[in-house]
Amino acid sequence: MLPARYRMTRSTEFSTTVSKGVRSAQPDLVVHMANDGDDPSGPRIGLVVAKSVGNAVVRHRVSRRLRHSVYPMLDELQPGHRVVIRALPGSADATSARLAHELSEALRRARPRLGASA
């Protein structure tokens, strides 16, 4: 489970991260990553699982899998990092291991580009 202090809750956080951050796409998800260097509260993670992924049961399952996958990766993120994970329709059929691998790969690819743009 992802502790509450690491969760994005405000729409402004989501929109700022998506518009100003770097984007890294994978087959089943898209990761937007931004750096808010002046906020030492820790990394913040937001999930976007739209109705195109499936019905409510499927969307909640995908959300749980993504939250579970991102939790061990929190140590790799800097305190000012903001991450929005957008699930694509293919994520409904993806296994937890596949989602974790794609998430890890997307974060790995986004980090160097984030440093260059910040």
PDB file of N, CA and C in Angstrom:
ATOM      1  N   MET A   1       0.842  -1.188   0.000  1.00  0.00           N
ATOM      2  CA  MET A   1       0.000   0.000   0.000  1.00  0.00           C
ATOM      3  C   MET A   1       0.880   1.241   0.000  1.00  0.00           C
ATOM      4  N   LEU A   2       0.460   2.233  -0.709  1.00  0.00           N
ATOM      5  CA  LEU A   2       1.195   3.483  -0.805  1.00  0.00           C
ATOM      6  C   LEU A   2       0.736   4.413   0.307  1.00  0.00           C
ATOM      7  N   PRO A   3       1.628   4.814   1.223  1.00  0.00           N
ATOM      8  CA  PRO A   3       1.233   5.703   2.321  1.00  0.00           C
ATOM      9  C   PRO A   3       0.650   7.024   1.803  1.00  0.00           C
ATOM     10  N   ALA A   4      -0.259   7.579   2.567  1.00  0.00           N
ATOM     11  CA  ALA A   4      -0.981   8.786   2.150  1.00  0.00           C
ATOM     12  C   ALA A   4      -0.057   9.958   1.864  1.00  0.00           C
ATOM     13  N   ARG A   5       1.042  10.060   2.568  1.00  0.00           N
ATOM     14  CA  ARG A   5       1.925  11.224   2.361  1.00  0.00           C
ATOM     15  C   ARG A   5       2.596  11.224   0.990  1.00  0.00           C
ATOM     16  N   TYR A   6       2.591  10.074   0.306  1.00  0.00           N
ATOM     17  CA  TYR A   6       3.187   9.981  -1.025  1.00  0.00           C
ATOM     18  C   TYR A   6       2.161  10.126  -2.144  1.00  0.00           C
ATOM     19  N   ARG A   7       0.903  10.304  -1.828  1.00  0.00           N
ATOM     20  CA  ARG A   7      -0.139  10.355  -2.848  1.00  0.00           C
ATOM     21  C   ARG A   7      -0.447  11.786  -3.280  1.00  0.00           C
ATOM     22  N   MET A   8      -0.620  11.960  -4.557  1.00  0.00           N
ATOM     23  CA  MET A   8      -1.105  13.240  -5.078  1.00  0.00           C
ATOM     24  C   MET A   8      -2.604  13.285  -4.865  1.00  0.00           C
ATOM     25  N   THR A   9      -3.090  14.428  -4.402  1.00  0.00           N
ATOM     26  CA  THR A   9      -4.522  14.546  -4.155  1.00  0.00           C
ATOM     27  C   THR A   9      -5.153  15.736  -4.870  1.00  0.00           C
ATOM     28  N   ARG A  10      -4.371  16.689  -5.287  1.00  0.00           N
ATOM     29  CA  ARG A  10      -4.920  17.911  -5.894  1.00  0.00           C
ATOM     30  C   ARG A  10      -4.765  17.887  -7.405  1.00  0.00           C
ATOM     31  N   SER A  11      -5.791  18.352  -8.072  1.00  0.00           N
ATOM     32  CA  SER A  11      -5.761  18.348  -9.533  1.00  0.00           C
ATOM     33  C   SER A  11      -4.652  19.251 -10.073  1.00  0.00           C
ATOM     34  N   THR A  12      -4.279  20.293  -9.326  1.00  0.00           N
ATOM     35  CA  THR A  12      -3.197  21.169  -9.791  1.00  0.00           C
ATOM     36  C   THR A  12      -1.864  20.425  -9.816  1.00  0.00           C
ATOM     37  N   GLU A  13      -1.657  19.524  -8.851  1.00  0.00           N
ATOM     38  CA  GLU A  13      -0.428  18.724  -8.852  1.00  0.00           C
ATOM     39  C   GLU A  13      -0.382  17.827 -10.092  1.00  0.00           C
ATOM     40  N   PHE A  14      -1.518  17.210 -10.406  1.00  0.00           N
ATOM     41  CA  PHE A  14      -1.584  16.345 -11.581  1.00  0.00           C
ATOM     42  C   PHE A  14      -1.313  17.136 -12.853  1.00  0.00           C
ATOM     43  N   SER A  15      -2.029  18.254 -13.023  1.00  0.00           N
ATOM     44  CA  SER A  15      -1.902  19.013 -14.268  1.00  0.00           C
ATOM     45  C   SER A  15      -0.516  19.629 -14.427  1.00  0.00           C
ATOM     46  N   THR A  16       0.082  20.099 -13.344  1.00  0.00           N
ATOM     47  CA  THR A  16       1.426  20.662 -13.421  1.00  0.00           C
ATOM     48  C   THR A  16       2.443  19.593 -13.792  1.00  0.00           C
ATOM     49  N   THR A  17       2.318  18.423 -13.192  1.00  0.00           N
ATOM     50  CA  THR A  17       3.251  17.333 -13.487  1.00  0.00           C
ATOM     51  C   THR A  17       3.133  16.886 -14.934  1.00  0.00           C
ATOM     52  N   VAL A  18       1.909  16.757 -15.426  1.00  0.00           N
ATOM     53  CA  VAL A  18       1.704  16.303 -16.795  1.00  0.00           C
ATOM     54  C   VAL A  18       2.173  17.356 -17.796  1.00  0.00           C
ATOM     55  N   SER A  19       1.900  18.625 -17.532  1.00  0.00           N
ATOM     56  CA  SER A  19       2.251  19.670 -18.506  1.00  0.00           C
ATOM     57  C   SER A  19       3.728  20.055 -18.485  1.00  0.00           C
ATOM     58  N   LYS A  20       4.359  20.044 -17.315  1.00  0.00           N
ATOM     59  CA  LYS A  20       5.745  20.509 -17.229  1.00  0.00           C
ATOM     60  C   LYS A  20       6.767  19.388 -17.103  1.00  0.00           C
ATOM     61  N   GLY A  21       6.303  18.178 -16.885  1.00  0.00           N
ATOM     62  CA  GLY A  21       7.221  17.063 -16.689  1.00  0.00           C
ATOM     63  C   GLY A  21       7.617  16.391 -17.990  1.00  0.00           C
ATOM     64  N   VAL A  22       8.512  15.409 -17.869  1.00  0.00           N
ATOM     65  CA  VAL A  22       8.913  14.609 -19.025  1.00  0.00           C
ATOM     66  C   VAL A  22       8.004  13.389 -19.099  1.00  0.00           C
ATOM     67  N   ARG A  23       7.815  12.903 -20.309  1.00  0.00           N
ATOM     68  CA  ARG A  23       6.889  11.801 -20.555  1.00  0.00           C
ATOM     69  C   ARG A  23       7.680  10.589 -20.997  1.00  0.00           C
ATOM     70  N   SER A  24       7.322   9.438 -20.444  1.00  0.00           N
ATOM     71  CA  SER A  24       7.945   8.184 -20.834  1.00  0.00           C
ATOM     72  C   SER A  24       6.838   7.156 -21.037  1.00  0.00           C
ATOM     73  N   ALA A  25       6.718   6.645 -22.262  1.00  0.00           N
ATOM     74  CA  ALA A  25       5.621   5.736 -22.603  1.00  0.00           C
ATOM     75  C   ALA A  25       6.093   4.291 -22.627  1.00  0.00           C
ATOM     76  N   GLN A  26       5.207   3.419 -22.230  1.00  0.00           N
ATOM     77  CA  GLN A  26       5.379   1.975 -22.284  1.00  0.00           C
ATOM     78  C   GLN A  26       4.106   1.408 -22.911  1.00  0.00           C
ATOM     79  N   PRO A  27       4.089   0.122 -23.269  1.00  0.00           N
ATOM     80  CA  PRO A  27       2.887  -0.414 -23.923  1.00  0.00           C
ATOM     81  C   PRO A  27       1.604  -0.312 -23.091  1.00  0.00           C
ATOM     82  N   ASP A  28       1.700  -0.452 -21.764  1.00  0.00           N
ATOM     83  CA  ASP A  28       0.495  -0.466 -20.938  1.00  0.00           C
ATOM     84  C   ASP A  28       0.340   0.745 -20.034  1.00  0.00           C
ATOM     85  N   LEU A  29       1.309   1.661 -20.031  1.00  0.00           N
ATOM     86  CA  LEU A  29       1.193   2.847 -19.188  1.00  0.00           C
ATOM     87  C   LEU A  29       2.078   3.963 -19.694  1.00  0.00           C
ATOM     88  N   VAL A  30       1.756   5.165 -19.252  1.00  0.00           N
ATOM     89  CA  VAL A  30       2.545   6.363 -19.560  1.00  0.00           C
ATOM     90  C   VAL A  30       2.899   7.015 -18.235  1.00  0.00           C
ATOM     91  N   VAL A  31       4.168   7.387 -18.090  1.00  0.00           N
ATOM     92  CA  VAL A  31       4.635   8.033 -16.858  1.00  0.00           C
ATOM     93  C   VAL A  31       5.037   9.464 -17.179  1.00  0.00           C
ATOM     94  N   HIS A  32       4.510  10.399 -16.401  1.00  0.00           N
ATOM     95  CA  HIS A  32       4.916  11.805 -16.471  1.00  0.00           C
ATOM     96  C   HIS A  32       5.678  12.093 -15.185  1.00  0.00           C
ATOM     97  N   MET A  33       6.867  12.672 -15.318  1.00  0.00           N
ATOM     98  CA  MET A  33       7.705  12.909 -14.141  1.00  0.00           C
ATOM     99  C   MET A  33       8.216  14.346 -14.156  1.00  0.00           C
ATOM    100  N   ALA A  34       8.069  15.021 -13.030  1.00  0.00           N
ATOM    101  CA  ALA A  34       8.539  16.400 -12.885  1.00  0.00           C
ATOM    102  C   ALA A  34       9.317  16.513 -11.583  1.00  0.00           C
ATOM    103  N   ASN A  35      10.073  17.597 -11.460  1.00  0.00           N
ATOM    104  CA  ASN A  35      10.866  17.820 -10.259  1.00  0.00           C
ATOM    105  C   ASN A  35      10.450  19.136  -9.625  1.00  0.00           C
ATOM    106  N   ASP A  36       9.941  19.045  -8.399  1.00  0.00           N
ATOM    107  CA  ASP A  36       9.579  20.223  -7.618  1.00  0.00           C
ATOM    108  C   ASP A  36      10.605  20.308  -6.500  1.00  0.00           C
ATOM    109  N   GLY A  37      11.799  20.757  -6.844  1.00  0.00           N
ATOM    110  CA  GLY A  37      12.946  20.702  -5.946  1.00  0.00           C
ATOM    111  C   GLY A  37      12.775  21.394  -4.614  1.00  0.00           C
ATOM    112  N   ASP A  38      11.843  22.351  -4.492  1.00  0.00           N
ATOM    113  CA  ASP A  38      11.721  23.092  -3.236  1.00  0.00           C
ATOM    114  C   ASP A  38      10.765  22.435  -2.249  1.00  0.00           C
ATOM    115  N   ASP A  39      10.263  21.247  -2.563  1.00  0.00           N
ATOM    116  CA  ASP A  39       9.333  20.558  -1.660  1.00  0.00           C
ATOM    117  C   ASP A  39      10.006  19.315  -1.078  1.00  0.00           C
ATOM    118  N   PRO A  40      10.484  19.386   0.155  1.00  0.00           N
ATOM    119  CA  PRO A  40      11.216  18.260   0.751  1.00  0.00           C
ATOM    120  C   PRO A  40      10.332  17.186   1.389  1.00  0.00           C
ATOM    121  N   SER A  41       9.016  17.249   1.177  1.00  0.00           N
ATOM    122  CA  SER A  41       8.117  16.312   1.854  1.00  0.00           C
ATOM    123  C   SER A  41       8.219  14.890   1.323  1.00  0.00           C
ATOM    124  N   GLY A  42       8.908  14.694   0.241  1.00  0.00           N
ATOM    125  CA  GLY A  42       9.054  13.368  -0.326  1.00  0.00           C
ATOM    126  C   GLY A  42       8.418  13.282  -1.693  1.00  0.00           C
ATOM    127  N   PRO A  43       8.709  12.224  -2.430  1.00  0.00           N
ATOM    128  CA  PRO A  43       8.109  12.084  -3.754  1.00  0.00           C
ATOM    129  C   PRO A  43       6.594  11.928  -3.651  1.00  0.00           C
ATOM    130  N   ARG A  44       5.900  12.378  -4.671  1.00  0.00           N
ATOM    131  CA  ARG A  44       4.434  12.272  -4.700  1.00  0.00           C
ATOM    132  C   ARG A  44       4.044  11.508  -5.966  1.00  0.00           C
ATOM    133  N   ILE A  45       3.113  10.579  -5.802  1.00  0.00           N
ATOM    134  CA  ILE A  45       2.688   9.712  -6.887  1.00  0.00           C
ATOM    135  C   ILE A  45       1.194   9.912  -7.136  1.00  0.00           C
ATOM    136  N   GLY A  46       0.817  10.027  -8.401  1.00  0.00           N
ATOM    137  CA  GLY A  46      -0.588  10.115  -8.768  1.00  0.00           C
ATOM    138  C   GLY A  46      -0.923   9.073  -9.814  1.00  0.00           C
ATOM    139  N   LEU A  47      -2.098   8.512  -9.725  1.00  0.00           N
ATOM    140  CA  LEU A  47      -2.555   7.503 -10.682  1.00  0.00           C
ATOM    141  C   LEU A  47      -3.753   8.027 -11.460  1.00  0.00           C
ATOM    142  N   VAL A  48      -3.761   7.726 -12.760  1.00  0.00           N
ATOM    143  CA  VAL A  48      -4.891   8.047 -13.607  1.00  0.00           C
ATOM    144  C   VAL A  48      -5.287   6.750 -14.305  1.00  0.00           C
ATOM    145  N   VAL A  49      -6.443   6.221 -13.929  1.00  0.00           N
ATOM    146  CA  VAL A  49      -6.954   4.989 -14.537  1.00  0.00           C
ATOM    147  C   VAL A  49      -8.350   5.316 -15.065  1.00  0.00           C
ATOM    148  N   ALA A  50      -8.430   5.581 -16.360  1.00  0.00           N
ATOM    149  CA  ALA A  50      -9.669   6.043 -16.984  1.00  0.00           C
ATOM    150  C   ALA A  50     -10.634   4.895 -17.263  1.00  0.00           C
ATOM    151  N   LYS A  51     -11.857   5.250 -17.602  1.00  0.00           N
ATOM    152  CA  LYS A  51     -12.885   4.249 -17.910  1.00  0.00           C
ATOM    153  C   LYS A  51     -12.530   3.403 -19.123  1.00  0.00           C
ATOM    154  N   SER A  52     -11.633   3.896 -19.958  1.00  0.00           N
ATOM    155  CA  SER A  52     -11.223   3.116 -21.130  1.00  0.00           C
ATOM    156  C   SER A  52     -10.468   1.845 -20.735  1.00  0.00           C
ATOM    157  N   VAL A  53      -9.969   1.796 -19.507  1.00  0.00           N
ATOM    158  CA  VAL A  53      -9.252   0.612 -19.015  1.00  0.00           C
ATOM    159  C   VAL A  53     -10.241  -0.521 -18.748  1.00  0.00           C
ATOM    160  N   GLY A  54     -11.421  -0.201 -18.260  1.00  0.00           N
ATOM    161  CA  GLY A  54     -12.414  -1.235 -17.982  1.00  0.00           C
ATOM    162  C   GLY A  54     -13.442  -0.726 -16.987  1.00  0.00           C
ATOM    163  N   ASN A  55     -14.249  -1.649 -16.476  1.00  0.00           N
ATOM    164  CA  ASN A  55     -15.255  -1.254 -15.500  1.00  0.00           C
ATOM    165  C   ASN A  55     -14.592  -0.960 -14.147  1.00  0.00           C
ATOM    166  N   ALA A  56     -15.375  -0.610 -13.154  1.00  0.00           N
ATOM    167  CA  ALA A  56     -14.830  -0.186 -11.865  1.00  0.00           C
ATOM    168  C   ALA A  56     -13.973  -1.260 -11.214  1.00  0.00           C
ATOM    169  N   VAL A  57     -14.377  -2.509 -11.323  1.00  0.00           N
ATOM    170  CA  VAL A  57     -13.616  -3.600 -10.719  1.00  0.00           C
ATOM    171  C   VAL A  57     -12.235  -3.702 -11.349  1.00  0.00           C
ATOM    172  N   VAL A  58     -12.175  -3.621 -12.657  1.00  0.00           N
ATOM    173  CA  VAL A  58     -10.899  -3.714 -13.375  1.00  0.00           C
ATOM    174  C   VAL A  58     -10.027  -2.497 -13.065  1.00  0.00           C
ATOM    175  N   ARG A  59     -10.632  -1.312 -13.048  1.00  0.00           N
ATOM    176  CA  ARG A  59      -9.855  -0.097 -12.760  1.00  0.00           C
ATOM    177  C   ARG A  59      -9.250  -0.144 -11.368  1.00  0.00           C
ATOM    178  N   HIS A  60     -10.010  -0.602 -10.389  1.00  0.00           N
ATOM    179  CA  HIS A  60      -9.482  -0.690  -9.026  1.00  0.00           C
ATOM    180  C   HIS A  60      -8.375  -1.737  -8.931  1.00  0.00           C
ATOM    181  N   ARG A  61      -8.517  -2.835  -9.652  1.00  0.00           N
ATOM    182  CA  ARG A  61      -7.464  -3.859  -9.650  1.00  0.00           C
ATOM    183  C   ARG A  61      -6.175  -3.289 -10.239  1.00  0.00           C
ATOM    184  N   VAL A  62      -6.289  -2.564 -11.348  1.00  0.00           N
ATOM    185  CA  VAL A  62      -5.117  -1.946 -11.968  1.00  0.00           C
ATOM    186  C   VAL A  62      -4.501  -0.930 -11.011  1.00  0.00           C
ATOM    187  N   SER A  63      -5.320  -0.126 -10.344  1.00  0.00           N
ATOM    188  CA  SER A  63      -4.810   0.864  -9.385  1.00  0.00           C
ATOM    189  C   SER A  63      -4.056   0.186  -8.245  1.00  0.00           C
ATOM    190  N   ARG A  64      -4.623  -0.880  -7.707  1.00  0.00           N
ATOM    191  CA  ARG A  64      -3.946  -1.598  -6.619  1.00  0.00           C
ATOM    192  C   ARG A  64      -2.613  -2.162  -7.077  1.00  0.00           C
ATOM    193  N   ARG A  65      -2.588  -2.733  -8.268  1.00  0.00           N
ATOM    194  CA  ARG A  65      -1.338  -3.293  -8.793  1.00  0.00           C
ATOM    195  C   ARG A  65      -0.286  -2.209  -8.990  1.00  0.00           C
ATOM    196  N   LEU A  66      -0.696  -1.057  -9.503  1.00  0.00           N
ATOM    197  CA  LEU A  66       0.258   0.037  -9.711  1.00  0.00           C
ATOM    198  C   LEU A  66       0.767   0.592  -8.387  1.00  0.00           C
ATOM    199  N   ARG A  67      -0.126   0.775  -7.418  1.00  0.00           N
ATOM    200  CA  ARG A  67       0.312   1.261  -6.097  1.00  0.00           C
ATOM    201  C   ARG A  67       1.293   0.285  -5.456  1.00  0.00           C
ATOM    202  N   HIS A  68       0.998  -0.995  -5.578  1.00  0.00           N
ATOM    203  CA  HIS A  68       1.877  -2.012  -5.021  1.00  0.00           C
ATOM    204  C   HIS A  68       3.228  -2.022  -5.744  1.00  0.00           C
ATOM    205  N   SER A  69       3.223  -1.777  -7.045  1.00  0.00           N
ATOM    206  CA  SER A  69       4.458  -1.791  -7.829  1.00  0.00           C
ATOM    207  C   SER A  69       5.335  -0.572  -7.566  1.00  0.00           C
ATOM    208  N   VAL A  70       4.716   0.577  -7.325  1.00  0.00           N
ATOM    209  CA  VAL A  70       5.502   1.800  -7.160  1.00  0.00           C
ATOM    210  C   VAL A  70       6.097   1.912  -5.752  1.00  0.00           C
ATOM    211  N   TYR A  71       5.493   1.262  -4.774  1.00  0.00           N
ATOM    212  CA  TYR A  71       5.959   1.401  -3.389  1.00  0.00           C
ATOM    213  C   TYR A  71       7.447   1.062  -3.208  1.00  0.00           C
ATOM    214  N   PRO A  72       7.959  -0.062  -3.730  1.00  0.00           N
ATOM    215  CA  PRO A  72       9.385  -0.348  -3.545  1.00  0.00           C
ATOM    216  C   PRO A  72      10.300   0.624  -4.299  1.00  0.00           C
ATOM    217  N   MET A  73       9.765   1.342  -5.268  1.00  0.00           N
ATOM    218  CA  MET A  73      10.578   2.261  -6.069  1.00  0.00           C
ATOM    219  C   MET A  73      10.694   3.644  -5.439  1.00  0.00           C
ATOM    220  N   LEU A  74       9.992   3.894  -4.337  1.00  0.00           N
ATOM    221  CA  LEU A  74      10.022   5.216  -3.705  1.00  0.00           C
ATOM    222  C   LEU A  74      11.429   5.605  -3.270  1.00  0.00           C
ATOM    223  N   ASP A  75      12.242   4.636  -2.852  1.00  0.00           N
ATOM    224  CA  ASP A  75      13.607   4.929  -2.409  1.00  0.00           C
ATOM    225  C   ASP A  75      14.483   5.452  -3.546  1.00  0.00           C
ATOM    226  N   GLU A  76      14.139   5.111  -4.783  1.00  0.00           N
ATOM    227  CA  GLU A  76      14.924   5.549  -5.935  1.00  0.00           C
ATOM    228  C   GLU A  76      14.578   6.971  -6.368  1.00  0.00           C
ATOM    229  N   LEU A  77      13.473   7.515  -5.853  1.00  0.00           N
ATOM    230  CA  LEU A  77      13.025   8.848  -6.242  1.00  0.00           C
ATOM    231  C   LEU A  77      13.539   9.901  -5.275  1.00  0.00           C
ATOM    232  N   GLN A  78      13.774  11.085  -5.789  1.00  0.00           N
ATOM    233  CA  GLN A  78      14.211  12.213  -4.972  1.00  0.00           C
ATOM    234  C   GLN A  78      12.998  12.819  -4.255  1.00  0.00           C
ATOM    235  N   PRO A  79      13.210  13.540  -3.145  1.00  0.00           N
ATOM    236  CA  PRO A  79      12.074  14.121  -2.413  1.00  0.00           C
ATOM    237  C   PRO A  79      11.200  15.058  -3.238  1.00  0.00           C
ATOM    238  N   GLY A  80      11.760  15.749  -4.212  1.00  0.00           N
ATOM    239  CA  GLY A  80      10.975  16.689  -5.002  1.00  0.00           C
ATOM    240  C   GLY A  80      10.301  16.100  -6.227  1.00  0.00           C
ATOM    241  N   HIS A  81      10.494  14.818  -6.483  1.00  0.00           N
ATOM    242  CA  HIS A  81       9.920  14.210  -7.678  1.00  0.00           C
ATOM    243  C   HIS A  81       8.406  14.090  -7.583  1.00  0.00           C
ATOM    244  N   ARG A  82       7.760  14.384  -8.692  1.00  0.00           N
ATOM    245  CA  ARG A  82       6.319  14.220  -8.840  1.00  0.00           C
ATOM    246  C   ARG A  82       6.108  13.271 -10.014  1.00  0.00           C
ATOM    247  N   VAL A  83       5.324  12.217  -9.814  1.00  0.00           N
ATOM    248  CA  VAL A  83       5.119  11.198 -10.841  1.00  0.00           C
ATOM    249  C   VAL A  83       3.623  10.966 -11.030  1.00  0.00           C
ATOM    250  N   VAL A  84       3.170  11.050 -12.272  1.00  0.00           N
ATOM    251  CA  VAL A  84       1.801  10.691 -12.612  1.00  0.00           C
ATOM    252  C   VAL A  84       1.876   9.467 -13.521  1.00  0.00           C
ATOM    253  N   ILE A  85       1.187   8.405 -13.115  1.00  0.00           N
ATOM    254  CA  ILE A  85       1.158   7.163 -13.881  1.00  0.00           C
ATOM    255  C   ILE A  85      -0.231   7.049 -14.500  1.00  0.00           C
ATOM    256  N   ARG A  86      -0.279   7.035 -15.827  1.00  0.00           N
ATOM    257  CA  ARG A  86      -1.552   6.912 -16.535  1.00  0.00           C
ATOM    258  C   ARG A  86      -1.636   5.521 -17.133  1.00  0.00           C
ATOM    259  N   ALA A  87      -2.611   4.748 -16.697  1.00  0.00           N
ATOM    260  CA  ALA A  87      -2.807   3.391 -17.203  1.00  0.00           C
ATOM    261  C   ALA A  87      -3.500   3.440 -18.559  1.00  0.00           C
ATOM    262  N   LEU A  88      -3.002   2.652 -19.484  1.00  0.00           N
ATOM    263  CA  LEU A  88      -3.611   2.532 -20.801  1.00  0.00           C
ATOM    264  C   LEU A  88      -4.520   1.295 -20.816  1.00  0.00           C
ATOM    265  N   PRO A  89      -5.415   1.175 -21.790  1.00  0.00           N
ATOM    266  CA  PRO A  89      -6.352   0.045 -21.792  1.00  0.00           C
ATOM    267  C   PRO A  89      -5.703  -1.330 -21.694  1.00  0.00           C
ATOM    268  N   GLY A  90      -4.510  -1.507 -22.225  1.00  0.00           N
ATOM    269  CA  GLY A  90      -3.827  -2.797 -22.152  1.00  0.00           C
ATOM    270  C   GLY A  90      -3.449  -3.211 -20.746  1.00  0.00           C
ATOM    271  N   SER A  91      -3.420  -2.270 -19.817  1.00  0.00           N
ATOM    272  CA  SER A  91      -3.040  -2.587 -18.443  1.00  0.00           C
ATOM    273  C   SER A  91      -4.070  -3.471 -17.752  1.00  0.00           C
ATOM    274  N   ALA A  92      -5.273  -3.511 -18.265  1.00  0.00           N
ATOM    275  CA  ALA A  92      -6.319  -4.352 -17.668  1.00  0.00           C
ATOM    276  C   ALA A  92      -5.949  -5.833 -17.743  1.00  0.00           C
ATOM    277  N   ASP A  93      -5.262  -6.235 -18.801  1.00  0.00           N
ATOM    278  CA  ASP A  93      -4.889  -7.633 -18.989  1.00  0.00           C
ATOM    279  C   ASP A  93      -3.457  -7.930 -18.574  1.00  0.00           C
ATOM    280  N   ALA A  94      -2.712  -6.920 -18.164  1.00  0.00           N
ATOM    281  CA  ALA A  94      -1.303  -7.106 -17.809  1.00  0.00           C
ATOM    282  C   ALA A  94      -1.174  -7.698 -16.409  1.00  0.00           C
ATOM    283  N   THR A  95      -0.143  -8.511 -16.228  1.00  0.00           N
ATOM    284  CA  THR A  95       0.137  -9.072 -14.906  1.00  0.00           C
ATOM    285  C   THR A  95       0.810  -8.022 -14.036  1.00  0.00           C
ATOM    286  N   SER A  96       0.829  -8.275 -12.749  1.00  0.00           N
ATOM    287  CA  SER A  96       1.493  -7.351 -11.817  1.00  0.00           C
ATOM    288  C   SER A  96       2.979  -7.237 -12.145  1.00  0.00           C
ATOM    289  N   ALA A  97       3.615  -8.348 -12.473  1.00  0.00           N
ATOM    290  CA  ALA A  97       5.041  -8.333 -12.795  1.00  0.00           C
ATOM    291  C   ALA A  97       5.306  -7.494 -14.040  1.00  0.00           C
ATOM    292  N   ARG A  98       4.444  -7.613 -15.031  1.00  0.00           N
ATOM    293  CA  ARG A  98       4.613  -6.835 -16.257  1.00  0.00           C
ATOM    294  C   ARG A  98       4.431  -5.346 -15.981  1.00  0.00           C
ATOM    295  N   LEU A  99       3.421  -4.981 -15.195  1.00  0.00           N
ATOM    296  CA  LEU A  99       3.215  -3.575 -14.853  1.00  0.00           C
ATOM    297  C   LEU A  99       4.402  -3.026 -14.063  1.00  0.00           C
ATOM    298  N   ALA A 100       4.919  -3.813 -13.129  1.00  0.00           N
ATOM    299  CA  ALA A 100       6.073  -3.373 -12.341  1.00  0.00           C
ATOM    300  C   ALA A 100       7.294  -3.173 -13.232  1.00  0.00           C
ATOM    301  N   HIS A 101       7.503  -4.079 -14.178  1.00  0.00           N
ATOM    302  CA  HIS A 101       8.643  -3.952 -15.086  1.00  0.00           C
ATOM    303  C   HIS A 101       8.497  -2.709 -15.967  1.00  0.00           C
ATOM    304  N   GLU A 102       7.300  -2.498 -16.520  1.00  0.00           N
ATOM    305  CA  GLU A 102       7.083  -1.328 -17.370  1.00  0.00           C
ATOM    306  C   GLU A 102       7.221  -0.027 -16.575  1.00  0.00           C
ATOM    307  N   LEU A 103       6.740  -0.025 -15.348  1.00  0.00           N
ATOM    308  CA  LEU A 103       6.862   1.159 -14.505  1.00  0.00           C
ATOM    309  C   LEU A 103       8.323   1.454 -14.201  1.00  0.00           C
ATOM    310  N   SER A 104       9.062   0.425 -13.853  1.00  0.00           N
ATOM    311  CA  SER A 104      10.487   0.583 -13.565  1.00  0.00           C
ATOM    312  C   SER A 104      11.232   1.105 -14.793  1.00  0.00           C
ATOM    313  N   GLU A 105      10.932   0.551 -15.943  1.00  0.00           N
ATOM    314  CA  GLU A 105      11.580   0.974 -17.183  1.00  0.00           C
ATOM    315  C   GLU A 105      11.228   2.424 -17.525  1.00  0.00           C
ATOM    316  N   ALA A 106       9.973   2.791 -17.359  1.00  0.00           N
ATOM    317  CA  ALA A 106       9.553   4.165 -17.661  1.00  0.00           C
ATOM    318  C   ALA A 106      10.252   5.160 -16.732  1.00  0.00           C
ATOM    319  N   LEU A 107      10.335   4.839 -15.448  1.00  0.00           N
ATOM    320  CA  LEU A 107      11.025   5.729 -14.502  1.00  0.00           C
ATOM    321  C   LEU A 107      12.510   5.825 -14.833  1.00  0.00           C
ATOM    322  N   ARG A 108      13.110   4.693 -15.188  1.00  0.00           N
ATOM    323  CA  ARG A 108      14.540   4.683 -15.537  1.00  0.00           C
ATOM    324  C   ARG A 108      14.801   5.570 -16.752  1.00  0.00           C
ATOM    325  N   ARG A 109      13.904   5.532 -17.736  1.00  0.00           N
ATOM    326  CA  ARG A 109      14.079   6.339 -18.940  1.00  0.00           C
ATOM    327  C   ARG A 109      13.781   7.810 -18.704  1.00  0.00           C
ATOM    328  N   ALA A 110      12.902   8.122 -17.772  1.00  0.00           N
ATOM    329  CA  ALA A 110      12.509   9.521 -17.544  1.00  0.00           C
ATOM    330  C   ALA A 110      13.527  10.278 -16.696  1.00  0.00           C
ATOM    331  N   ARG A 111      14.192   9.602 -15.774  1.00  0.00           N
ATOM    332  CA  ARG A 111      15.110  10.289 -14.854  1.00  0.00           C
ATOM    333  C   ARG A 111      16.198  11.107 -15.516  1.00  0.00           C
ATOM    334  N   PRO A 112      16.956  10.563 -16.485  1.00  0.00           N
ATOM    335  CA  PRO A 112      18.014  11.386 -17.113  1.00  0.00           C
ATOM    336  C   PRO A 112      17.466  12.604 -17.853  1.00  0.00           C
ATOM    337  N   ARG A 113      16.319  12.444 -18.513  1.00  0.00           N
ATOM    338  CA  ARG A 113      15.730  13.576 -19.240  1.00  0.00           C
ATOM    339  C   ARG A 113      15.216  14.632 -18.271  1.00  0.00           C
ATOM    340  N   LEU A 114      14.776  14.195 -17.103  1.00  0.00           N
ATOM    341  CA  LEU A 114      14.294  15.142 -16.085  1.00  0.00           C
ATOM    342  C   LEU A 114      15.445  16.013 -15.604  1.00  0.00           C
ATOM    343  N   GLY A 115      16.601  15.399 -15.394  1.00  0.00           N
ATOM    344  CA  GLY A 115      17.776  16.148 -14.940  1.00  0.00           C
ATOM    345  C   GLY A 115      18.238  17.156 -15.962  1.00  0.00           C
ATOM    346  N   ALA A 116      18.087  16.828 -17.247  1.00  0.00           N
ATOM    347  CA  ALA A 116      18.513  17.730 -18.309  1.00  0.00           C
ATOM    348  C   ALA A 116      17.590  18.924 -18.441  1.00  0.00           C
ATOM    349  N   SER A 117      16.289  18.730 -18.156  1.00  0.00           N
ATOM    350  CA  SER A 117      15.339  19.824 -18.328  1.00  0.00           C
ATOM    351  C   SER A 117      15.172  20.678 -17.089  1.00  0.00           C
ATOM    352  N   ALA A 118      15.615  20.192 -15.935  1.00  0.00           N
ATOM    353  CA  ALA A 118      15.417  20.949 -14.687  1.00  0.00           C
ATOM    354  C   ALA A 118      16.490  21.962 -14.467  1.00  0.00           C
TER     355      ALA A 118
END
